[in-house]
Amino acid sequence: ALMRGGILWRLAIENASFQDVLAGPTTIATIQHQCVSWVTESGKYCVDDVLNTHEADVISGVYYVYTGQGTQMTTKSWWP
């Protein structure tokens, strides 16, 4: 979330540090293949974890609410 920027960065900075980001992805993120990897022009191999939509929703306080039309649901959030 810190690397995503915007409102997610502002919300996440309260609970995570730059040291957490620089430490790289957790073991569980790599085991579950929730990361991306690439090779730089200099041949350095890089790996970073990925923030999925559900995690972004949790950070930004997304609510799933009924619309009043049967079982139809919609999302509401404190942030646009």
PDB file of N, CA and C in Angstrom:
ATOM      1  N   ALA A   1       0.828  -1.198   0.000  1.00  0.00           N
ATOM      2  CA  ALA A   1       0.000   0.000   0.000  1.00  0.00           C
ATOM      3  C   ALA A   1       0.869   1.257   0.000  1.00  0.00           C
ATOM      4  N   LEU A   2       2.031   1.181   0.653  1.00  0.00           N
ATOM      5  CA  LEU A   2       2.908   2.350   0.672  1.00  0.00           C
ATOM      6  C   LEU A   2       3.443   2.651  -0.723  1.00  0.00           C
ATOM      7  N   MET A   3       3.652   1.629  -1.520  1.00  0.00           N
ATOM      8  CA  MET A   3       4.164   1.847  -2.866  1.00  0.00           C
ATOM      9  C   MET A   3       3.059   2.198  -3.855  1.00  0.00           C
ATOM     10  N   ARG A   4       1.805   1.973  -3.481  1.00  0.00           N
ATOM     11  CA  ARG A   4       0.679   2.283  -4.363  1.00  0.00           C
ATOM     12  C   ARG A   4       0.459   3.783  -4.453  1.00  0.00           C
ATOM     13  N   GLY A   5       0.705   4.499  -3.357  1.00  0.00           N
ATOM     14  CA  GLY A   5       0.537   5.947  -3.359  1.00  0.00           C
ATOM     15  C   GLY A   5      -0.898   6.362  -3.091  1.00  0.00           C
ATOM     16  N   GLY A   6      -1.159   7.651  -3.193  1.00  0.00           N
ATOM     17  CA  GLY A   6      -2.506   8.186  -3.028  1.00  0.00           C
ATOM     18  C   GLY A   6      -3.074   7.982  -1.638  1.00  0.00           C
ATOM     19  N   ILE A   7      -4.384   7.798  -1.576  1.00  0.00           N
ATOM     20  CA  ILE A   7      -5.069   7.652  -0.292  1.00  0.00           C
ATOM     21  C   ILE A   7      -4.644   6.369   0.414  1.00  0.00           C
ATOM     22  N   LEU A   8      -4.354   5.315  -0.346  1.00  0.00           N
ATOM     23  CA  LEU A   8      -3.892   4.076   0.288  1.00  0.00           C
ATOM     24  C   LEU A   8      -2.582   4.303   1.029  1.00  0.00           C
ATOM     25  N   TRP A   9      -1.683   5.085   0.451  1.00  0.00           N
ATOM     26  CA  TRP A   9      -0.420   5.403   1.120  1.00  0.00           C
ATOM     27  C   TRP A   9      -0.695   6.161   2.408  1.00  0.00           C
ATOM     28  N   ARG A  10      -1.571   7.164   2.338  1.00  0.00           N
ATOM     29  CA  ARG A  10      -1.860   7.975   3.524  1.00  0.00           C
ATOM     30  C   ARG A  10      -2.455   7.140   4.647  1.00  0.00           C
ATOM     31  N   LEU A  11      -3.299   6.188   4.314  1.00  0.00           N
ATOM     32  CA  LEU A  11      -3.906   5.332   5.332  1.00  0.00           C
ATOM     33  C   LEU A  11      -2.909   4.301   5.861  1.00  0.00           C
ATOM     34  N   ALA A  12      -2.089   3.747   4.990  1.00  0.00           N
ATOM     35  CA  ALA A  12      -1.155   2.692   5.388  1.00  0.00           C
ATOM     36  C   ALA A  12       0.033   3.222   6.180  1.00  0.00           C
ATOM     37  N   ILE A  13       0.434   4.459   5.952  1.00  0.00           N
ATOM     38  CA  ILE A  13       1.620   5.010   6.614  1.00  0.00           C
ATOM     39  C   ILE A  13       1.443   5.048   8.131  1.00  0.00           C
ATOM     40  N   GLU A  14       0.199   5.023   8.593  1.00  0.00           N
ATOM     41  CA  GLU A  14      -0.078   5.005  10.032  1.00  0.00           C
ATOM     42  C   GLU A  14       0.288   3.663  10.669  1.00  0.00           C
ATOM     43  N   ASN A  15       0.328   2.594   9.876  1.00  0.00           N
ATOM     44  CA  ASN A  15       0.534   1.252  10.428  1.00  0.00           C
ATOM     45  C   ASN A  15       1.756   0.518   9.899  1.00  0.00           C
ATOM     46  N   ALA A  16       2.378   1.038   8.878  1.00  0.00           N
ATOM     47  CA  ALA A  16       3.543   0.364   8.294  1.00  0.00           C
ATOM     48  C   ALA A  16       4.682   1.365   8.163  1.00  0.00           C
ATOM     49  N   SER A  17       5.880   0.843   8.152  1.00  0.00           N
ATOM     50  CA  SER A  17       7.048   1.713   8.022  1.00  0.00           C
ATOM     51  C   SER A  17       7.731   1.464   6.677  1.00  0.00           C
ATOM     52  N   PHE A  18       8.607   2.375   6.307  1.00  0.00           N
ATOM     53  CA  PHE A  18       9.367   2.180   5.080  1.00  0.00           C
ATOM     54  C   PHE A  18      10.288   0.971   5.209  1.00  0.00           C
ATOM     55  N   GLN A  19      10.715   0.649   6.427  1.00  0.00           N
ATOM     56  CA  GLN A  19      11.534  -0.547   6.639  1.00  0.00           C
ATOM     57  C   GLN A  19      10.750  -1.801   6.277  1.00  0.00           C
ATOM     58  N   ASP A  20       9.423  -1.804   6.575  1.00  0.00           N
ATOM     59  CA  ASP A  20       8.581  -2.942   6.190  1.00  0.00           C
ATOM     60  C   ASP A  20       8.582  -3.116   4.677  1.00  0.00           C
ATOM     61  N   VAL A  21       8.503  -2.015   3.962  1.00  0.00           N
ATOM     62  CA  VAL A  21       8.478  -2.057   2.497  1.00  0.00           C
ATOM     63  C   VAL A  21       9.820  -2.530   1.958  1.00  0.00           C
ATOM     64  N   LEU A  22      10.897  -1.987   2.502  1.00  0.00           N
ATOM     65  CA  LEU A  22      12.230  -2.330   2.015  1.00  0.00           C
ATOM     66  C   LEU A  22      12.627  -3.762   2.344  1.00  0.00           C
ATOM     67  N   ALA A  23      11.963  -4.376   3.332  1.00  0.00           N
ATOM     68  CA  ALA A  23      12.256  -5.760   3.699  1.00  0.00           C
ATOM     69  C   ALA A  23      11.808  -6.734   2.610  1.00  0.00           C
ATOM     70  N   GLY A  24      10.968  -6.267   1.700  1.00  0.00           N
ATOM     71  CA  GLY A  24      10.515  -7.118   0.601  1.00  0.00           C
ATOM     72  C   GLY A  24       9.287  -7.918   0.964  1.00  0.00           C
ATOM     73  N   PRO A  25       8.840  -8.750   0.040  1.00  0.00           N
ATOM     74  CA  PRO A  25       7.619  -9.521   0.273  1.00  0.00           C
ATOM     75  C   PRO A  25       7.818 -10.567   1.361  1.00  0.00           C
ATOM     76  N   THR A  26       6.732 -10.894   2.044  1.00  0.00           N
ATOM     77  CA  THR A  26       6.778 -11.926   3.071  1.00  0.00           C
ATOM     78  C   THR A  26       6.866 -13.294   2.406  1.00  0.00           C
ATOM     79  N   THR A  27       7.250 -14.270   3.174  1.00  0.00           N
ATOM     80  CA  THR A  27       7.339 -15.633   2.661  1.00  0.00           C
ATOM     81  C   THR A  27       5.982 -16.109   2.172  1.00  0.00           C
ATOM     82  N   ILE A  28       4.923 -15.803   2.933  1.00  0.00           N
ATOM     83  CA  ILE A  28       3.582 -16.253   2.549  1.00  0.00           C
ATOM     84  C   ILE A  28       3.158 -15.640   1.216  1.00  0.00           C
ATOM     85  N   ALA A  29       3.552 -14.399   0.953  1.00  0.00           N
ATOM     86  CA  ALA A  29       3.202 -13.758  -0.328  1.00  0.00           C
ATOM     87  C   ALA A  29       3.874 -14.470  -1.494  1.00  0.00           C
ATOM     88  N   THR A  30       5.106 -14.882  -1.310  1.00  0.00           N
ATOM     89  CA  THR A  30       5.802 -15.569  -2.404  1.00  0.00           C
ATOM     90  C   THR A  30       5.304 -17.003  -2.567  1.00  0.00           C
ATOM     91  N   ILE A  31       4.986 -17.678  -1.459  1.00  0.00           N
ATOM     92  CA  ILE A  31       4.464 -19.047  -1.549  1.00  0.00           C
ATOM     93  C   ILE A  31       3.126 -19.058  -2.277  1.00  0.00           C
ATOM     94  N   GLN A  32       2.282 -18.070  -1.991  1.00  0.00           N
ATOM     95  CA  GLN A  32       0.958 -18.005  -2.617  1.00  0.00           C
ATOM     96  C   GLN A  32       0.996 -17.306  -3.978  1.00  0.00           C
ATOM     97  N   HIS A  33       2.175 -17.016  -4.483  1.00  0.00           N
ATOM     98  CA  HIS A  33       2.363 -16.382  -5.796  1.00  0.00           C
ATOM     99  C   HIS A  33       1.650 -15.035  -5.891  1.00  0.00           C
ATOM    100  N   GLN A  34       1.629 -14.286  -4.790  1.00  0.00           N
ATOM    101  CA  GLN A  34       1.041 -12.953  -4.790  1.00  0.00           C
ATOM    102  C   GLN A  34       2.158 -11.924  -4.903  1.00  0.00           C
ATOM    103  N   CYS A  35       2.981 -12.109  -5.916  1.00  0.00           N
ATOM    104  CA  CYS A  35       4.093 -11.196  -6.118  1.00  0.00           C
ATOM    105  C   CYS A  35       4.428 -11.133  -7.604  1.00  0.00           C
ATOM    106  N   VAL A  36       5.197 -10.141  -7.940  1.00  0.00           N
ATOM    107  CA  VAL A  36       5.673  -9.983  -9.315  1.00  0.00           C
ATOM    108  C   VAL A  36       7.193  -9.997  -9.286  1.00  0.00           C
ATOM    109  N   SER A  37       7.795 -10.426 -10.377  1.00  0.00           N
ATOM    110  CA  SER A  37       9.259 -10.430 -10.452  1.00  0.00           C
ATOM    111  C   SER A  37       9.687  -9.921 -11.820  1.00  0.00           C
ATOM    112  N   TRP A  38      10.871  -9.364 -11.863  1.00  0.00           N
ATOM    113  CA  TRP A  38      11.431  -8.853 -13.108  1.00  0.00           C
ATOM    114  C   TRP A  38      12.940  -8.791 -12.987  1.00  0.00           C
ATOM    115  N   VAL A  39      13.597  -8.698 -14.122  1.00  0.00           N
ATOM    116  CA  VAL A  39      15.051  -8.582 -14.176  1.00  0.00           C
ATOM    117  C   VAL A  39      15.374  -7.196 -14.726  1.00  0.00           C
ATOM    118  N   THR A  40      16.231  -6.475 -14.019  1.00  0.00           N
ATOM    119  CA  THR A  40      16.618  -5.136 -14.457  1.00  0.00           C
ATOM    120  C   THR A  40      17.593  -5.226 -15.621  1.00  0.00           C
ATOM    121  N   GLU A  41      17.866  -4.091 -16.234  1.00  0.00           N
ATOM    122  CA  GLU A  41      18.812  -4.057 -17.355  1.00  0.00           C
ATOM    123  C   GLU A  41      20.204  -4.512 -16.938  1.00  0.00           C
ATOM    124  N   SER A  42      20.537  -4.309 -15.660  1.00  0.00           N
ATOM    125  CA  SER A  42      21.858  -4.721 -15.174  1.00  0.00           C
ATOM    126  C   SER A  42      21.894  -6.193 -14.766  1.00  0.00           C
ATOM    127  N   GLY A  43      20.753  -6.906 -14.922  1.00  0.00           N
ATOM    128  CA  GLY A  43      20.707  -8.322 -14.594  1.00  0.00           C
ATOM    129  C   GLY A  43      20.286  -8.624 -13.171  1.00  0.00           C
ATOM    130  N   LYS A  44      19.907  -7.609 -12.411  1.00  0.00           N
ATOM    131  CA  LYS A  44      19.469  -7.814 -11.031  1.00  0.00           C
ATOM    132  C   LYS A  44      18.042  -8.360 -11.022  1.00  0.00           C
ATOM    133  N   TYR A  45      17.806  -9.415 -10.233  1.00  0.00           N
ATOM    134  CA  TYR A  45      16.494 -10.044 -10.126  1.00  0.00           C
ATOM    135  C   TYR A  45      15.730  -9.383  -8.991  1.00  0.00           C
ATOM    136  N   CYS A  46      14.534  -8.869  -9.273  1.00  0.00           N
ATOM    137  CA  CYS A  46      13.733  -8.158  -8.272  1.00  0.00           C
ATOM    138  C   CYS A  46      12.392  -8.855  -8.073  1.00  0.00           C
ATOM    139  N   VAL A  47      11.917  -8.856  -6.824  1.00  0.00           N
ATOM    140  CA  VAL A  47      10.617  -9.434  -6.481  1.00  0.00           C
ATOM    141  C   VAL A  47       9.889  -8.446  -5.588  1.00  0.00           C
ATOM    142  N   ASP A  48       8.598  -8.268  -5.829  1.00  0.00           N
ATOM    143  CA  ASP A  48       7.792  -7.384  -4.997  1.00  0.00           C
ATOM    144  C   ASP A  48       6.420  -8.006  -4.809  1.00  0.00           C
ATOM    145  N   ASP A  49       5.821  -7.789  -3.642  1.00  0.00           N
ATOM    146  CA  ASP A  49       4.481  -8.315  -3.415  1.00  0.00           C
ATOM    147  C   ASP A  49       3.445  -7.399  -4.048  1.00  0.00           C
ATOM    148  N   VAL A  50       2.258  -7.937  -4.246  1.00  0.00           N
ATOM    149  CA  VAL A  50       1.194  -7.229  -4.941  1.00  0.00           C
ATOM    150  C   VAL A  50       0.047  -6.976  -3.971  1.00  0.00           C
ATOM    151  N   LEU A  51      -0.491  -5.773  -4.006  1.00  0.00           N
ATOM    152  CA  LEU A  51      -1.664  -5.433  -3.208  1.00  0.00           C
ATOM    153  C   LEU A  51      -2.893  -5.751  -4.045  1.00  0.00           C
ATOM    154  N   ASN A  52      -3.699  -6.735  -3.596  1.00  0.00           N
ATOM    155  CA  ASN A  52      -4.867  -7.083  -4.399  1.00  0.00           C
ATOM    156  C   ASN A  52      -6.054  -6.176  -4.053  1.00  0.00           C
ATOM    157  N   THR A  53      -7.112  -6.293  -4.820  1.00  0.00           N
ATOM    158  CA  THR A  53      -8.279  -5.422  -4.663  1.00  0.00           C
ATOM    159  C   THR A  53      -8.905  -5.569  -3.284  1.00  0.00           C
ATOM    160  N   HIS A  54      -9.004  -6.800  -2.781  1.00  0.00           N
ATOM    161  CA  HIS A  54      -9.598  -7.018  -1.456  1.00  0.00           C
ATOM    162  C   HIS A  54      -8.786  -6.316  -0.365  1.00  0.00           C
ATOM    163  N   GLU A  55      -7.470  -6.416  -0.426  1.00  0.00           N
ATOM    164  CA  GLU A  55      -6.618  -5.752   0.563  1.00  0.00           C
ATOM    165  C   GLU A  55      -6.764  -4.236   0.486  1.00  0.00           C
ATOM    166  N   ALA A  56      -6.842  -3.697  -0.719  1.00  0.00           N
ATOM    167  CA  ALA A  56      -7.045  -2.256  -0.889  1.00  0.00           C
ATOM    168  C   ALA A  56      -8.400  -1.838  -0.322  1.00  0.00           C
ATOM    169  N   ASP A  57      -9.422  -2.664  -0.516  1.00  0.00           N
ATOM    170  CA  ASP A  57     -10.751  -2.377   0.038  1.00  0.00           C
ATOM    171  C   ASP A  57     -10.726  -2.362   1.562  1.00  0.00           C
ATOM    172  N   VAL A  58     -10.012  -3.305   2.159  1.00  0.00           N
ATOM    173  CA  VAL A  58      -9.919  -3.363   3.626  1.00  0.00           C
ATOM    174  C   VAL A  58      -9.231  -2.113   4.165  1.00  0.00           C
ATOM    175  N   ILE A  59      -8.145  -1.710   3.544  1.00  0.00           N
ATOM    176  CA  ILE A  59      -7.405  -0.527   3.990  1.00  0.00           C
ATOM    177  C   ILE A  59      -8.253   0.728   3.874  1.00  0.00           C
ATOM    178  N   SER A  60      -9.011   0.842   2.789  1.00  0.00           N
ATOM    179  CA  SER A  60      -9.778   2.067   2.557  1.00  0.00           C
ATOM    180  C   SER A  60     -11.173   2.037   3.164  1.00  0.00           C
ATOM    181  N   GLY A  61     -11.525   0.989   3.888  1.00  0.00           N
ATOM    182  CA  GLY A  61     -12.801   0.956   4.595  1.00  0.00           C
ATOM    183  C   GLY A  61     -14.007   0.773   3.701  1.00  0.00           C
ATOM    184  N   VAL A  62     -13.922  -0.141   2.749  1.00  0.00           N
ATOM    185  CA  VAL A  62     -15.053  -0.406   1.859  1.00  0.00           C
ATOM    186  C   VAL A  62     -16.078  -1.266   2.596  1.00  0.00           C
ATOM    187  N   TYR A  63     -17.345  -0.894   2.451  1.00  0.00           N
ATOM    188  CA  TYR A  63     -18.459  -1.639   3.025  1.00  0.00           C
ATOM    189  C   TYR A  63     -19.256  -2.273   1.893  1.00  0.00           C
ATOM    190  N   TYR A  64     -19.731  -3.477   2.105  1.00  0.00           N
ATOM    191  CA  TYR A  64     -20.635  -4.130   1.170  1.00  0.00           C
ATOM    192  C   TYR A  64     -22.022  -4.047   1.787  1.00  0.00           C
ATOM    193  N   VAL A  65     -22.936  -3.364   1.117  1.00  0.00           N
ATOM    194  CA  VAL A  65     -24.272  -3.116   1.675  1.00  0.00           C
ATOM    195  C   VAL A  65     -25.342  -3.549   0.678  1.00  0.00           C
ATOM    196  N   TYR A  66     -26.508  -3.931   1.231  1.00  0.00           N
ATOM    197  CA  TYR A  66     -27.645  -4.281   0.387  1.00  0.00           C
ATOM    198  C   TYR A  66     -28.259  -3.015  -0.192  1.00  0.00           C
ATOM    199  N   THR A  67     -28.751  -3.104  -1.428  1.00  0.00           N
ATOM    200  CA  THR A  67     -29.336  -1.945  -2.103  1.00  0.00           C
ATOM    201  C   THR A  67     -30.824  -1.806  -1.813  1.00  0.00           C
ATOM    202  N   GLY A  68     -31.435  -2.827  -1.222  1.00  0.00           N
ATOM    203  CA  GLY A  68     -32.878  -2.820  -0.992  1.00  0.00           C
ATOM    204  C   GLY A  68     -33.636  -3.446  -2.152  1.00  0.00           C
ATOM    205  N   GLN A  69     -32.917  -3.941  -3.133  1.00  0.00           N
ATOM    206  CA  GLN A  69     -33.522  -4.594  -4.293  1.00  0.00           C
ATOM    207  C   GLN A  69     -33.130  -6.072  -4.290  1.00  0.00           C
ATOM    208  N   GLY A  70     -33.856  -6.844  -3.505  1.00  0.00           N
ATOM    209  CA  GLY A  70     -33.574  -8.277  -3.397  1.00  0.00           C
ATOM    210  C   GLY A  70     -32.252  -8.516  -2.689  1.00  0.00           C
ATOM    211  N   THR A  71     -31.433  -9.363  -3.289  1.00  0.00           N
ATOM    212  CA  THR A  71     -30.135  -9.680  -2.682  1.00  0.00           C
ATOM    213  C   THR A  71     -28.997  -8.884  -3.311  1.00  0.00           C
ATOM    214  N   GLN A  72     -29.348  -7.875  -4.116  1.00  0.00           N
ATOM    215  CA  GLN A  72     -28.330  -7.061  -4.782  1.00  0.00           C
ATOM    216  C   GLN A  72     -27.525  -6.267  -3.757  1.00  0.00           C
ATOM    217  N   MET A  73     -26.204  -6.240  -3.954  1.00  0.00           N
ATOM    218  CA  MET A  73     -25.320  -5.502  -3.056  1.00  0.00           C
ATOM    219  C   MET A  73     -24.498  -4.494  -3.844  1.00  0.00           C
ATOM    220  N   THR A  74     -24.014  -3.485  -3.143  1.00  0.00           N
ATOM    221  CA  THR A  74     -23.123  -2.495  -3.729  1.00  0.00           C
ATOM    222  C   THR A  74     -22.034  -2.175  -2.714  1.00  0.00           C
ATOM    223  N   THR A  75     -21.039  -1.438  -3.127  1.00  0.00           N
ATOM    224  CA  THR A  75     -19.963  -1.065  -2.213  1.00  0.00           C
ATOM    225  C   THR A  75     -20.063   0.408  -1.864  1.00  0.00           C
ATOM    226  N   LYS A  76     -19.732   0.714  -0.633  1.00  0.00           N
ATOM    227  CA  LYS A  76     -19.656   2.089  -0.147  1.00  0.00           C
ATOM    228  C   LYS A  76     -18.304   2.250   0.523  1.00  0.00           C
ATOM    229  N   SER A  77     -17.749   3.440   0.424  1.00  0.00           N
ATOM    230  CA  SER A  77     -16.431   3.684   0.997  1.00  0.00           C
ATOM    231  C   SER A  77     -16.351   5.100   1.526  1.00  0.00           C
ATOM    232  N   TRP A  78     -15.493   5.291   2.514  1.00  0.00           N
ATOM    233  CA  TRP A  78     -15.236   6.629   3.039  1.00  0.00           C
ATOM    234  C   TRP A  78     -14.398   7.433   2.061  1.00  0.00           C
ATOM    235  N   TRP A  79     -13.749   6.741   1.132  1.00  0.00           N
ATOM    236  CA  TRP A  79     -12.844   7.399   0.191  1.00  0.00           C
ATOM    237  C   TRP A  79     -13.317   7.138  -1.226  1.00  0.00           C
ATOM    238  N   PRO A  80     -13.150   8.105  -2.111  1.00  0.00           N
ATOM    239  CA  PRO A  80     -13.617   7.912  -3.501  1.00  0.00           C
ATOM    240  C   PRO A  80     -12.854   6.834  -4.241  1.00  0.00           C
TER     241      PRO A  80
END
